Amino acid sequence: MSVTYGSKRTVVGAHYGVRDWLAQRGTAAVIVLFTFVLLAQVLFSKGPIGYDLWAGIFAAQWMKVLTFAVILALVWHAWVGVRNVWMDYVKADGLRFALYIFTIVWLLACTGWGFQTLWRL
């Protein structure tokens, strides 16, 4: 069954938004896991906290893979959240589209910067 509100939007079924809700929770779980792993690495390390410690933490291949996954999760998490804000609060279609494009370009640039930083270690 579909319901039409006004002339612009058709909402189908009772599961509208469930995918976004699950994406937000799933990506948040990955981010929290990474935070705990990183905190454990820092708290149980020996020696002063400096470049050598950080480089050592991210030198392990498993940590690079986890960090890669977290960068992707963070970008997806941000996209879903910001996109939903634009959908809910920006009513002008042209402006909303421009904000979508700006957000995508910004998130891709941040992703590239994150990967470049990760691979430099």
PDB file of N, CA and C in Angstrom:
ATOM      1  N   MET A   1       0.839  -1.175   0.000  1.00  0.00           N
ATOM      2  CA  MET A   1       0.000   0.000   0.000  1.00  0.00           C
ATOM      3  C   MET A   1       0.882   1.235   0.000  1.00  0.00           C
ATOM      4  N   SER A   2       0.588   2.186  -0.823  1.00  0.00           N
ATOM      5  CA  SER A   2       1.372   3.414  -0.831  1.00  0.00           C
ATOM      6  C   SER A   2       0.459   4.594  -0.511  1.00  0.00           C
ATOM      7  N   VAL A   3       1.064   5.566   0.135  1.00  0.00           N
ATOM      8  CA  VAL A   3       0.333   6.762   0.528  1.00  0.00           C
ATOM      9  C   VAL A   3       1.044   7.952  -0.086  1.00  0.00           C
ATOM     10  N   THR A   4       0.292   8.847  -0.688  1.00  0.00           N
ATOM     11  CA  THR A   4       0.877  10.031  -1.292  1.00  0.00           C
ATOM     12  C   THR A   4       0.591  11.234  -0.405  1.00  0.00           C
ATOM     13  N   TYR A   5       1.652  11.950  -0.064  1.00  0.00           N
ATOM     14  CA  TYR A   5       1.536  13.183   0.705  1.00  0.00           C
ATOM     15  C   TYR A   5       1.815  14.343  -0.231  1.00  0.00           C
ATOM     16  N   GLY A   6       0.831  15.157  -0.468  1.00  0.00           N
ATOM     17  CA  GLY A   6       1.021  16.259  -1.409  1.00  0.00           C
ATOM     18  C   GLY A   6       1.206  15.689  -2.804  1.00  0.00           C
ATOM     19  N   SER A   7       1.980  16.383  -3.609  1.00  0.00           N
ATOM     20  CA  SER A   7       2.190  15.910  -4.976  1.00  0.00           C
ATOM     21  C   SER A   7       3.612  15.454  -5.223  1.00  0.00           C
ATOM     22  N   LYS A   8       4.488  15.511  -4.215  1.00  0.00           N
ATOM     23  CA  LYS A   8       5.895  15.248  -4.463  1.00  0.00           C
ATOM     24  C   LYS A   8       6.410  13.924  -3.905  1.00  0.00           C
ATOM     25  N   ARG A   9       5.812  13.368  -2.865  1.00  0.00           N
ATOM     26  CA  ARG A   9       6.452  12.267  -2.178  1.00  0.00           C
ATOM     27  C   ARG A   9       5.489  11.107  -1.966  1.00  0.00           C
ATOM     28  N   THR A  10       5.962   9.915  -2.319  1.00  0.00           N
ATOM     29  CA  THR A  10       5.191   8.713  -2.083  1.00  0.00           C
ATOM     30  C   THR A  10       5.952   7.858  -1.087  1.00  0.00           C
ATOM     31  N   VAL A  11       5.308   7.515   0.005  1.00  0.00           N
ATOM     32  CA  VAL A  11       5.901   6.667   1.032  1.00  0.00           C
ATOM     33  C   VAL A  11       5.309   5.277   0.850  1.00  0.00           C
ATOM     34  N   VAL A  12       6.175   4.275   0.710  1.00  0.00           N
ATOM     35  CA  VAL A  12       5.722   2.922   0.440  1.00  0.00           C
ATOM     36  C   VAL A  12       6.016   2.050   1.650  1.00  0.00           C
ATOM     37  N   GLY A  13       4.995   1.402   2.200  1.00  0.00           N
ATOM     38  CA  GLY A  13       5.174   0.443   3.275  1.00  0.00           C
ATOM     39  C   GLY A  13       5.566   1.079   4.595  1.00  0.00           C
ATOM     40  N   ALA A  14       5.815   0.195   5.546  1.00  0.00           N
ATOM     41  CA  ALA A  14       6.144   0.650   6.897  1.00  0.00           C
ATOM     42  C   ALA A  14       7.642   0.678   7.143  1.00  0.00           C
ATOM     43  N   HIS A  15       8.444   0.313   6.149  1.00  0.00           N
ATOM     44  CA  HIS A  15       9.884   0.201   6.368  1.00  0.00           C
ATOM     45  C   HIS A  15      10.678   1.360   5.779  1.00  0.00           C
ATOM     46  N   TYR A  16      10.028   2.461   5.553  1.00  0.00           N
ATOM     47  CA  TYR A  16      10.731   3.623   5.015  1.00  0.00           C
ATOM     48  C   TYR A  16      11.738   4.119   6.046  1.00  0.00           C
ATOM     49  N   GLY A  17      12.990   4.174   5.692  1.00  0.00           N
ATOM     50  CA  GLY A  17      14.016   4.673   6.604  1.00  0.00           C
ATOM     51  C   GLY A  17      14.726   3.607   7.417  1.00  0.00           C
ATOM     52  N   VAL A  18      14.269   2.374   7.361  1.00  0.00           N
ATOM     53  CA  VAL A  18      14.903   1.307   8.143  1.00  0.00           C
ATOM     54  C   VAL A  18      16.331   1.069   7.667  1.00  0.00           C
ATOM     55  N   ARG A  19      16.547   1.118   6.368  1.00  0.00           N
ATOM     56  CA  ARG A  19      17.897   0.907   5.828  1.00  0.00           C
ATOM     57  C   ARG A  19      18.864   1.965   6.354  1.00  0.00           C
ATOM     58  N   ASP A  20      18.426   3.218   6.376  1.00  0.00           N
ATOM     59  CA  ASP A  20      19.279   4.285   6.902  1.00  0.00           C
ATOM     60  C   ASP A  20      19.539   4.096   8.389  1.00  0.00           C
ATOM     61  N   TRP A  21      18.509   3.695   9.124  1.00  0.00           N
ATOM     62  CA  TRP A  21      18.651   3.474  10.566  1.00  0.00           C
ATOM     63  C   TRP A  21      19.665   2.365  10.831  1.00  0.00           C
ATOM     64  N   LEU A  22      19.562   1.268  10.073  1.00  0.00           N
ATOM     65  CA  LEU A  22      20.499   0.158  10.232  1.00  0.00           C
ATOM     66  C   LEU A  22      21.917   0.557   9.826  1.00  0.00           C
ATOM     67  N   ALA A  23      22.031   1.338   8.762  1.00  0.00           N
ATOM     68  CA  ALA A  23      23.357   1.801   8.326  1.00  0.00           C
ATOM     69  C   ALA A  23      24.006   2.653   9.412  1.00  0.00           C
ATOM     70  N   GLN A  24      23.235   3.552  10.014  1.00  0.00           N
ATOM     71  CA  GLN A  24      23.775   4.404  11.072  1.00  0.00           C
ATOM     72  C   GLN A  24      24.245   3.561  12.258  1.00  0.00           C
ATOM     73  N   ARG A  25      23.466   2.566  12.656  1.00  0.00           N
ATOM     74  CA  ARG A  25      23.844   1.733  13.800  1.00  0.00           C
ATOM     75  C   ARG A  25      25.038   0.854  13.472  1.00  0.00           C
ATOM     76  N   GLY A  26      25.042   0.265  12.279  1.00  0.00           N
ATOM     77  CA  GLY A  26      26.160  -0.593  11.885  1.00  0.00           C
ATOM     78  C   GLY A  26      27.474   0.156  11.778  1.00  0.00           C
ATOM     79  N   THR A  27      27.435   1.308  11.128  1.00  0.00           N
ATOM     80  CA  THR A  27      28.672   2.081  10.994  1.00  0.00           C
ATOM     81  C   THR A  27      29.116   2.635  12.347  1.00  0.00           C
ATOM     82  N   ALA A  28      28.170   2.993  13.193  1.00  0.00           N
ATOM     83  CA  ALA A  28      28.531   3.473  14.536  1.00  0.00           C
ATOM     84  C   ALA A  28      29.210   2.361  15.335  1.00  0.00           C
ATOM     85  N   ALA A  29      28.745   1.130  15.180  1.00  0.00           N
ATOM     86  CA  ALA A  29      29.361   0.006  15.891  1.00  0.00           C
ATOM     87  C   ALA A  29      30.812  -0.192  15.446  1.00  0.00           C
ATOM     88  N   VAL A  30      31.068  -0.076  14.148  1.00  0.00           N
ATOM     89  CA  VAL A  30      32.437  -0.200  13.637  1.00  0.00           C
ATOM     90  C   VAL A  30      33.315   0.915  14.195  1.00  0.00           C
ATOM     91  N   ILE A  31      32.796   2.119  14.246  1.00  0.00           N
ATOM     92  CA  ILE A  31      33.551   3.265  14.758  1.00  0.00           C
ATOM     93  C   ILE A  31      33.853   3.088  16.249  1.00  0.00           C
ATOM     94  N   VAL A  32      32.876   2.608  17.018  1.00  0.00           N
ATOM     95  CA  VAL A  32      33.079   2.378  18.454  1.00  0.00           C
ATOM     96  C   VAL A  32      34.118   1.279  18.672  1.00  0.00           C
ATOM     97  N   LEU A  33      34.036   0.200  17.909  1.00  0.00           N
ATOM     98  CA  LEU A  33      35.021  -0.878  18.013  1.00  0.00           C
ATOM     99  C   LEU A  33      36.426  -0.339  17.766  1.00  0.00           C
ATOM    100  N   PHE A  34      36.579   0.437  16.714  1.00  0.00           N
ATOM    101  CA  PHE A  34      37.878   1.026  16.392  1.00  0.00           C
ATOM    102  C   PHE A  34      38.373   1.920  17.531  1.00  0.00           C
ATOM    103  N   THR A  35      37.480   2.701  18.110  1.00  0.00           N
ATOM    104  CA  THR A  35      37.861   3.591  19.205  1.00  0.00           C
ATOM    105  C   THR A  35      38.382   2.799  20.389  1.00  0.00           C
ATOM    106  N   PHE A  36      37.696   1.706  20.741  1.00  0.00           N
ATOM    107  CA  PHE A  36      38.158   0.875  21.861  1.00  0.00           C
ATOM    108  C   PHE A  36      39.497   0.216  21.562  1.00  0.00           C
ATOM    109  N   VAL A  37      39.675  -0.276  20.351  1.00  0.00           N
ATOM    110  CA  VAL A  37      40.945  -0.899  19.968  1.00  0.00           C
ATOM    111  C   VAL A  37      42.071   0.134  20.034  1.00  0.00           C
ATOM    112  N   LEU A  38      41.828   1.316  19.513  1.00  0.00           N
ATOM    113  CA  LEU A  38      42.849   2.361  19.526  1.00  0.00           C
ATOM    114  C   LEU A  38      43.172   2.798  20.952  1.00  0.00           C
ATOM    115  N   LEU A  39      42.147   2.978  21.777  1.00  0.00           N
ATOM    116  CA  LEU A  39      42.388   3.341  23.185  1.00  0.00           C
ATOM    117  C   LEU A  39      43.193   2.272  23.909  1.00  0.00           C
ATOM    118  N   ALA A  40      42.868   1.019  23.675  1.00  0.00           N
ATOM    119  CA  ALA A  40      43.623  -0.068  24.308  1.00  0.00           C
ATOM    120  C   ALA A  40      45.081  -0.041  23.868  1.00  0.00           C
ATOM    121  N   GLN A  41      45.306   0.204  22.590  1.00  0.00           N
ATOM    122  CA  GLN A  41      46.677   0.272  22.074  1.00  0.00           C
ATOM    123  C   GLN A  41      47.463   1.394  22.761  1.00  0.00           C
ATOM    124  N   VAL A  42      46.827   2.536  22.940  1.00  0.00           N
ATOM    125  CA  VAL A  42      47.504   3.691  23.544  1.00  0.00           C
ATOM    126  C   VAL A  42      47.687   3.484  25.049  1.00  0.00           C
ATOM    127  N   LEU A  43      46.644   3.029  25.725  1.00  0.00           N
ATOM    128  CA  LEU A  43      46.706   2.884  27.179  1.00  0.00           C
ATOM    129  C   LEU A  43      47.678   1.808  27.633  1.00  0.00           C
ATOM    130  N   PHE A  44      47.798   0.725  26.866  1.00  0.00           N
ATOM    131  CA  PHE A  44      48.680  -0.373  27.259  1.00  0.00           C
ATOM    132  C   PHE A  44      50.041  -0.322  26.574  1.00  0.00           C
ATOM    133  N   SER A  45      50.367   0.790  25.973  1.00  0.00           N
ATOM    134  CA  SER A  45      51.674   0.930  25.325  1.00  0.00           C
ATOM    135  C   SER A  45      52.720   1.336  26.359  1.00  0.00           C
ATOM    136  N   LYS A  46      53.937   1.064  26.001  1.00  0.00           N
ATOM    137  CA  LYS A  46      55.056   1.447  26.869  1.00  0.00           C
ATOM    138  C   LYS A  46      55.788   2.601  26.208  1.00  0.00           C
ATOM    139  N   GLY A  47      56.162   3.542  27.008  1.00  0.00           N
ATOM    140  CA  GLY A  47      56.897   4.676  26.478  1.00  0.00           C
ATOM    141  C   GLY A  47      56.003   5.883  26.277  1.00  0.00           C
ATOM    142  N   PRO A  48      56.633   6.974  25.869  1.00  0.00           N
ATOM    143  CA  PRO A  48      55.877   8.218  25.689  1.00  0.00           C
ATOM    144  C   PRO A  48      54.981   8.162  24.443  1.00  0.00           C
ATOM    145  N   ILE A  49      53.921   8.940  24.501  1.00  0.00           N
ATOM    146  CA  ILE A  49      53.026   9.028  23.357  1.00  0.00           C
ATOM    147  C   ILE A  49      53.602  10.054  22.387  1.00  0.00           C
ATOM    148  N   GLY A  50      54.000   9.590  21.233  1.00  0.00           N
ATOM    149  CA  GLY A  50      54.580  10.453  20.217  1.00  0.00           C
ATOM    150  C   GLY A  50      54.419   9.813  18.853  1.00  0.00           C
ATOM    151  N   TYR A  51      55.163  10.321  17.896  1.00  0.00           N
ATOM    152  CA  TYR A  51      55.052   9.818  16.531  1.00  0.00           C
ATOM    153  C   TYR A  51      55.386   8.336  16.441  1.00  0.00           C
ATOM    154  N   ASP A  52      56.439   7.916  17.157  1.00  0.00           N
ATOM    155  CA  ASP A  52      56.856   6.518  17.077  1.00  0.00           C
ATOM    156  C   ASP A  52      55.753   5.570  17.559  1.00  0.00           C
ATOM    157  N   LEU A  53      55.063   5.950  18.631  1.00  0.00           N
ATOM    158  CA  LEU A  53      53.960   5.124  19.127  1.00  0.00           C
ATOM    159  C   LEU A  53      52.838   5.040  18.093  1.00  0.00           C
ATOM    160  N   TRP A  54      52.426   6.192  17.558  1.00  0.00           N
ATOM    161  CA  TRP A  54      51.340   6.206  16.569  1.00  0.00           C
ATOM    162  C   TRP A  54      51.734   5.435  15.324  1.00  0.00           C
ATOM    163  N   ALA A  55      52.953   5.624  14.848  1.00  0.00           N
ATOM    164  CA  ALA A  55      53.408   4.896  13.657  1.00  0.00           C
ATOM    165  C   ALA A  55      53.444   3.395  13.935  1.00  0.00           C
ATOM    166  N   GLY A  56      53.849   3.020  15.148  1.00  0.00           N
ATOM    167  CA  GLY A  56      53.874   1.604  15.516  1.00  0.00           C
ATOM    168  C   GLY A  56      52.485   0.998  15.569  1.00  0.00           C
ATOM    169  N   ILE A  57      51.531   1.734  16.097  1.00  0.00           N
ATOM    170  CA  ILE A  57      50.152   1.229  16.167  1.00  0.00           C
ATOM    171  C   ILE A  57      49.603   0.968  14.773  1.00  0.00           C
ATOM    172  N   PHE A  58      49.836   1.873  13.869  1.00  0.00           N
ATOM    173  CA  PHE A  58      49.263   1.744  12.526  1.00  0.00           C
ATOM    174  C   PHE A  58      50.157   0.980  11.559  1.00  0.00           C
ATOM    175  N   ALA A  59      51.299   0.465  12.019  1.00  0.00           N
ATOM    176  CA  ALA A  59      52.184  -0.308  11.152  1.00  0.00           C
ATOM    177  C   ALA A  59      51.657  -1.714  10.911  1.00  0.00           C
ATOM    178  N   ALA A  60      50.933  -2.260  11.878  1.00  0.00           N
ATOM    179  CA  ALA A  60      50.401  -3.617  11.731  1.00  0.00           C
ATOM    180  C   ALA A  60      49.345  -3.645  10.616  1.00  0.00           C
ATOM    181  N   GLN A  61      49.411  -4.711   9.802  1.00  0.00           N
ATOM    182  CA  GLN A  61      48.485  -4.816   8.671  1.00  0.00           C
ATOM    183  C   GLN A  61      47.027  -4.894   9.121  1.00  0.00           C
ATOM    184  N   TRP A  62      46.754  -5.600  10.219  1.00  0.00           N
ATOM    185  CA  TRP A  62      45.371  -5.717  10.696  1.00  0.00           C
ATOM    186  C   TRP A  62      44.822  -4.362  11.116  1.00  0.00           C
ATOM    187  N   MET A  63      45.690  -3.494  11.659  1.00  0.00           N
ATOM    188  CA  MET A  63      45.244  -2.162  12.066  1.00  0.00           C
ATOM    189  C   MET A  63      44.986  -1.291  10.838  1.00  0.00           C
ATOM    190  N   LYS A  64      45.783  -1.461   9.805  1.00  0.00           N
ATOM    191  CA  LYS A  64      45.536  -0.713   8.564  1.00  0.00           C
ATOM    192  C   LYS A  64      44.214  -1.135   7.941  1.00  0.00           C
ATOM    193  N   VAL A  65      43.926  -2.421   7.954  1.00  0.00           N
ATOM    194  CA  VAL A  65      42.656  -2.913   7.403  1.00  0.00           C
ATOM    195  C   VAL A  65      41.490  -2.382   8.235  1.00  0.00           C
ATOM    196  N   LEU A  66      41.615  -2.436   9.557  1.00  0.00           N
ATOM    197  CA  LEU A  66      40.553  -1.913  10.422  1.00  0.00           C
ATOM    198  C   LEU A  66      40.365  -0.412  10.205  1.00  0.00           C
ATOM    199  N   THR A  67      41.451   0.321  10.091  1.00  0.00           N
ATOM    200  CA  THR A  67      41.366   1.762   9.861  1.00  0.00           C
ATOM    201  C   THR A  67      40.732   2.059   8.507  1.00  0.00           C
ATOM    202  N   PHE A  68      41.076   1.276   7.496  1.00  0.00           N
ATOM    203  CA  PHE A  68      40.461   1.413   6.169  1.00  0.00           C
ATOM    204  C   PHE A  68      38.946   1.238   6.278  1.00  0.00           C
ATOM    205  N   ALA A  69      38.522   0.192   7.001  1.00  0.00           N
ATOM    206  CA  ALA A  69      37.089  -0.069   7.187  1.00  0.00           C
ATOM    207  C   ALA A  69      36.419   1.069   7.952  1.00  0.00           C
ATOM    208  N   VAL A  70      37.114   1.626   8.922  1.00  0.00           N
ATOM    209  CA  VAL A  70      36.544   2.713   9.716  1.00  0.00           C
ATOM    210  C   VAL A  70      36.409   3.985   8.887  1.00  0.00           C
ATOM    211  N   ILE A  71      37.357   4.256   8.034  1.00  0.00           N
ATOM    212  CA  ILE A  71      37.253   5.433   7.163  1.00  0.00           C
ATOM    213  C   ILE A  71      36.009   5.300   6.274  1.00  0.00           C
ATOM    214  N   LEU A  72      35.821   4.119   5.695  1.00  0.00           N
ATOM    215  CA  LEU A  72      34.634   3.899   4.865  1.00  0.00           C
ATOM    216  C   LEU A  72      33.352   4.003   5.692  1.00  0.00           C
ATOM    217  N   ALA A  73      33.357   3.418   6.896  1.00  0.00           N
ATOM    218  CA  ALA A  73      32.177   3.480   7.763  1.00  0.00           C
ATOM    219  C   ALA A  73      31.877   4.910   8.175  1.00  0.00           C
ATOM    220  N   LEU A  74      32.903   5.667   8.474  1.00  0.00           N
ATOM    221  CA  LEU A  74      32.717   7.058   8.885  1.00  0.00           C
ATOM    222  C   LEU A  74      32.126   7.903   7.753  1.00  0.00           C
ATOM    223  N   VAL A  75      32.611   7.670   6.543  1.00  0.00           N
ATOM    224  CA  VAL A  75      32.094   8.414   5.393  1.00  0.00           C
ATOM    225  C   VAL A  75      30.633   8.036   5.129  1.00  0.00           C
ATOM    226  N   TRP A  76      30.326   6.758   5.183  1.00  0.00           N
ATOM    227  CA  TRP A  76      28.946   6.312   4.978  1.00  0.00           C
ATOM    228  C   TRP A  76      28.032   6.866   6.068  1.00  0.00           C
ATOM    229  N   HIS A  77      28.495   6.812   7.317  1.00  0.00           N
ATOM    230  CA  HIS A  77      27.740   7.339   8.455  1.00  0.00           C
ATOM    231  C   HIS A  77      27.450   8.833   8.258  1.00  0.00           C
ATOM    232  N   ALA A  78      28.477   9.566   7.866  1.00  0.00           N
ATOM    233  CA  ALA A  78      28.306  11.005   7.650  1.00  0.00           C
ATOM    234  C   ALA A  78      27.362  11.272   6.485  1.00  0.00           C
ATOM    235  N   TRP A  79      27.486  10.508   5.393  1.00  0.00           N
ATOM    236  CA  TRP A  79      26.626  10.720   4.230  1.00  0.00           C
ATOM    237  C   TRP A  79      25.159  10.508   4.592  1.00  0.00           C
ATOM    238  N   VAL A  80      24.851   9.421   5.274  1.00  0.00           N
ATOM    239  CA  VAL A  80      23.459   9.139   5.629  1.00  0.00           C
ATOM    240  C   VAL A  80      22.910  10.250   6.522  1.00  0.00           C
ATOM    241  N   GLY A  81      23.683  10.651   7.510  1.00  0.00           N
ATOM    242  CA  GLY A  81      23.218  11.690   8.424  1.00  0.00           C
ATOM    243  C   GLY A  81      23.019  13.036   7.763  1.00  0.00           C
ATOM    244  N   VAL A  82      24.012  13.478   7.009  1.00  0.00           N
ATOM    245  CA  VAL A  82      23.918  14.793   6.372  1.00  0.00           C
ATOM    246  C   VAL A  82      22.858  14.786   5.270  1.00  0.00           C
ATOM    247  N   ARG A  83      22.799  13.702   4.502  1.00  0.00           N
ATOM    248  CA  ARG A  83      21.773  13.608   3.460  1.00  0.00           C
ATOM    249  C   ARG A  83      20.367  13.704   4.055  1.00  0.00           C
ATOM    250  N   ASN A  84      20.164  13.045   5.190  1.00  0.00           N
ATOM    251  CA  ASN A  84      18.847  13.112   5.827  1.00  0.00           C
ATOM    252  C   ASN A  84      18.535  14.511   6.342  1.00  0.00           C
ATOM    253  N   VAL A  85      19.530  15.221   6.812  1.00  0.00           N
ATOM    254  CA  VAL A  85      19.315  16.616   7.226  1.00  0.00           C
ATOM    255  C   VAL A  85      18.921  17.452   6.021  1.00  0.00           C
ATOM    256  N   TRP A  86      19.637  17.285   4.892  1.00  0.00           N
ATOM    257  CA  TRP A  86      19.293  18.043   3.681  1.00  0.00           C
ATOM    258  C   TRP A  86      17.871  17.693   3.222  1.00  0.00           C
ATOM    259  N   MET A  87      17.508  16.402   3.259  1.00  0.00           N
ATOM    260  CA  MET A  87      16.160  16.000   2.825  1.00  0.00           C
ATOM    261  C   MET A  87      15.083  16.594   3.724  1.00  0.00           C
ATOM    262  N   ASP A  88      15.347  16.639   5.020  1.00  0.00           N
ATOM    263  CA  ASP A  88      14.322  17.092   5.963  1.00  0.00           C
ATOM    264  C   ASP A  88      14.169  18.606   6.009  1.00  0.00           C
ATOM    265  N   TYR A  89      15.255  19.349   5.835  1.00  0.00           N
ATOM    266  CA  TYR A  89      15.207  20.777   6.120  1.00  0.00           C
ATOM    267  C   TYR A  89      15.419  21.702   4.930  1.00  0.00           C
ATOM    268  N   VAL A  90      15.900  21.180   3.806  1.00  0.00           N
ATOM    269  CA  VAL A  90      16.099  22.021   2.625  1.00  0.00           C
ATOM    270  C   VAL A  90      15.010  21.664   1.622  1.00  0.00           C
ATOM    271  N   LYS A  91      14.066  22.563   1.444  1.00  0.00           N
ATOM    272  CA  LYS A  91      12.893  22.282   0.605  1.00  0.00           C
ATOM    273  C   LYS A  91      13.115  22.597  -0.867  1.00  0.00           C
ATOM    274  N   ALA A  92      13.984  23.544  -1.181  1.00  0.00           N
ATOM    275  CA  ALA A  92      14.251  23.912  -2.575  1.00  0.00           C
ATOM    276  C   ALA A  92      15.073  22.809  -3.239  1.00  0.00           C
ATOM    277  N   ASP A  93      14.529  22.209  -4.297  1.00  0.00           N
ATOM    278  CA  ASP A  93      15.182  21.075  -4.947  1.00  0.00           C
ATOM    279  C   ASP A  93      16.578  21.408  -5.466  1.00  0.00           C
ATOM    280  N   GLY A  94      16.737  22.555  -6.096  1.00  0.00           N
ATOM    281  CA  GLY A  94      18.043  22.935  -6.647  1.00  0.00           C
ATOM    282  C   GLY A  94      19.092  23.109  -5.572  1.00  0.00           C
ATOM    283  N   LEU A  95      18.728  23.772  -4.499  1.00  0.00           N
ATOM    284  CA  LEU A  95      19.665  23.965  -3.393  1.00  0.00           C
ATOM    285  C   LEU A  95      20.005  22.635  -2.737  1.00  0.00           C
ATOM    286  N   ARG A  96      19.006  21.785  -2.545  1.00  0.00           N
ATOM    287  CA  ARG A  96      19.244  20.480  -1.932  1.00  0.00           C
ATOM    288  C   ARG A  96      20.192  19.659  -2.808  1.00  0.00           C
ATOM    289  N   PHE A  97      19.982  19.691  -4.127  1.00  0.00           N
ATOM    290  CA  PHE A  97      20.861  18.970  -5.045  1.00  0.00           C
ATOM    291  C   PHE A  97      22.290  19.499  -4.962  1.00  0.00           C
ATOM    292  N   ALA A  98      22.436  20.823  -4.920  1.00  0.00           N
ATOM    293  CA  ALA A  98      23.770  21.431  -4.803  1.00  0.00           C
ATOM    294  C   ALA A  98      24.435  21.018  -3.496  1.00  0.00           C
ATOM    295  N   LEU A  99      23.669  20.973  -2.431  1.00  0.00           N
ATOM    296  CA  LEU A  99      24.223  20.543  -1.142  1.00  0.00           C
ATOM    297  C   LEU A  99      24.615  19.065  -1.166  1.00  0.00           C
ATOM    298  N   TYR A 100      23.836  18.240  -1.858  1.00  0.00           N
ATOM    299  CA  TYR A 100      24.210  16.831  -2.030  1.00  0.00           C
ATOM    300  C   TYR A 100      25.558  16.723  -2.738  1.00  0.00           C
ATOM    301  N   ILE A 101      25.703  17.450  -3.828  1.00  0.00           N
ATOM    302  CA  ILE A 101      26.949  17.403  -4.603  1.00  0.00           C
ATOM    303  C   ILE A 101      28.121  17.891  -3.756  1.00  0.00           C
ATOM    304  N   PHE A 102      27.935  19.014  -3.044  1.00  0.00           N
ATOM    305  CA  PHE A 102      28.990  19.532  -2.181  1.00  0.00           C
ATOM    306  C   PHE A 102      29.374  18.503  -1.121  1.00  0.00           C
ATOM    307  N   THR A 103      28.378  17.888  -0.521  1.00  0.00           N
ATOM    308  CA  THR A 103      28.635  16.895   0.523  1.00  0.00           C
ATOM    309  C   THR A 103      29.399  15.705  -0.029  1.00  0.00           C
ATOM    310  N   ILE A 104      29.001  15.218  -1.188  1.00  0.00           N
ATOM    311  CA  ILE A 104      29.687  14.083  -1.804  1.00  0.00           C
ATOM    312  C   ILE A 104      31.135  14.427  -2.120  1.00  0.00           C
ATOM    313  N   VAL A 105      31.361  15.588  -2.715  1.00  0.00           N
ATOM    314  CA  VAL A 105      32.733  16.002  -3.048  1.00  0.00           C
ATOM    315  C   VAL A 105      33.571  16.136  -1.775  1.00  0.00           C
ATOM    316  N   TRP A 106      32.989  16.750  -0.750  1.00  0.00           N
ATOM    317  CA  TRP A 106      33.707  16.925   0.515  1.00  0.00           C
ATOM    318  C   TRP A 106      34.052  15.569   1.132  1.00  0.00           C
ATOM    319  N   LEU A 107      33.098  14.649   1.167  1.00  0.00           N
ATOM    320  CA  LEU A 107      33.344  13.339   1.763  1.00  0.00           C
ATOM    321  C   LEU A 107      34.357  12.537   0.951  1.00  0.00           C
ATOM    322  N   LEU A 108      34.312  12.639  -0.370  1.00  0.00           N
ATOM    323  CA  LEU A 108      35.321  11.960  -1.188  1.00  0.00           C
ATOM    324  C   LEU A 108      36.714  12.535  -0.944  1.00  0.00           C
ATOM    325  N   ALA A 109      36.806  13.848  -0.804  1.00  0.00           N
ATOM    326  CA  ALA A 109      38.098  14.478  -0.504  1.00  0.00           C
ATOM    327  C   ALA A 109      38.616  14.025   0.860  1.00  0.00           C
ATOM    328  N   CYS A 110      37.737  13.967   1.842  1.00  0.00           N
ATOM    329  CA  CYS A 110      38.144  13.503   3.173  1.00  0.00           C
ATOM    330  C   CYS A 110      38.566  12.038   3.147  1.00  0.00           C
ATOM    331  N   THR A 111      37.865  11.235   2.358  1.00  0.00           N
ATOM    332  CA  THR A 111      38.227   9.826   2.222  1.00  0.00           C
ATOM    333  C   THR A 111      39.607   9.693   1.592  1.00  0.00           C
ATOM    334  N   GLY A 112      39.843  10.423   0.530  1.00  0.00           N
ATOM    335  CA  GLY A 112      41.154  10.395  -0.114  1.00  0.00           C
ATOM    336  C   GLY A 112      42.263  10.826   0.821  1.00  0.00           C
ATOM    337  N   TRP A 113      42.011  11.873   1.578  1.00  0.00           N
ATOM    338  CA  TRP A 113      43.007  12.352   2.540  1.00  0.00           C
ATOM    339  C   TRP A 113      43.267  11.295   3.611  1.00  0.00           C
ATOM    340  N   GLY A 114      42.202  10.640   4.087  1.00  0.00           N
ATOM    341  CA  GLY A 114      42.359   9.588   5.095  1.00  0.00           C
ATOM    342  C   GLY A 114      43.169   8.418   4.572  1.00  0.00           C
ATOM    343  N   PHE A 115      42.878   7.981   3.352  1.00  0.00           N
ATOM    344  CA  PHE A 115      43.627   6.866   2.765  1.00  0.00           C
ATOM    345  C   PHE A 115      45.081   7.258   2.508  1.00  0.00           C
ATOM    346  N   GLN A 116      45.290   8.467   2.048  1.00  0.00           N
ATOM    347  CA  GLN A 116      46.652   8.931   1.803  1.00  0.00           C
ATOM    348  C   GLN A 116      47.444   8.944   3.108  1.00  0.00           C
ATOM    349  N   THR A 117      46.830   9.421   4.176  1.00  0.00           N
ATOM    350  CA  THR A 117      47.494   9.440   5.478  1.00  0.00           C
ATOM    351  C   THR A 117      47.780   8.023   5.955  1.00  0.00           C
ATOM    352  N   LEU A 118      46.824   7.124   5.793  1.00  0.00           N
ATOM    353  CA  LEU A 118      46.990   5.735   6.234  1.00  0.00           C
ATOM    354  C   LEU A 118      48.111   5.049   5.465  1.00  0.00           C
ATOM    355  N   TRP A 119      48.156   5.214   4.158  1.00  0.00           N
ATOM    356  CA  TRP A 119      49.161   4.536   3.347  1.00  0.00           C
ATOM    357  C   TRP A 119      50.548   5.142   3.509  1.00  0.00           C
ATOM    358  N   ARG A 120      50.609   6.379   4.026  1.00  0.00           N
ATOM    359  CA  ARG A 120      51.897   7.028   4.227  1.00  0.00           C
ATOM    360  C   ARG A 120      52.629   6.445   5.433  1.00  0.00           C
ATOM    361  N   LEU A 121      51.891   5.867   6.357  1.00  0.00           N
ATOM    362  CA  LEU A 121      52.520   5.334   7.574  1.00  0.00           C
ATOM    363  C   LEU A 121      53.335   4.112   7.306  1.00  0.00           C
TER     364      LEU A 121
END
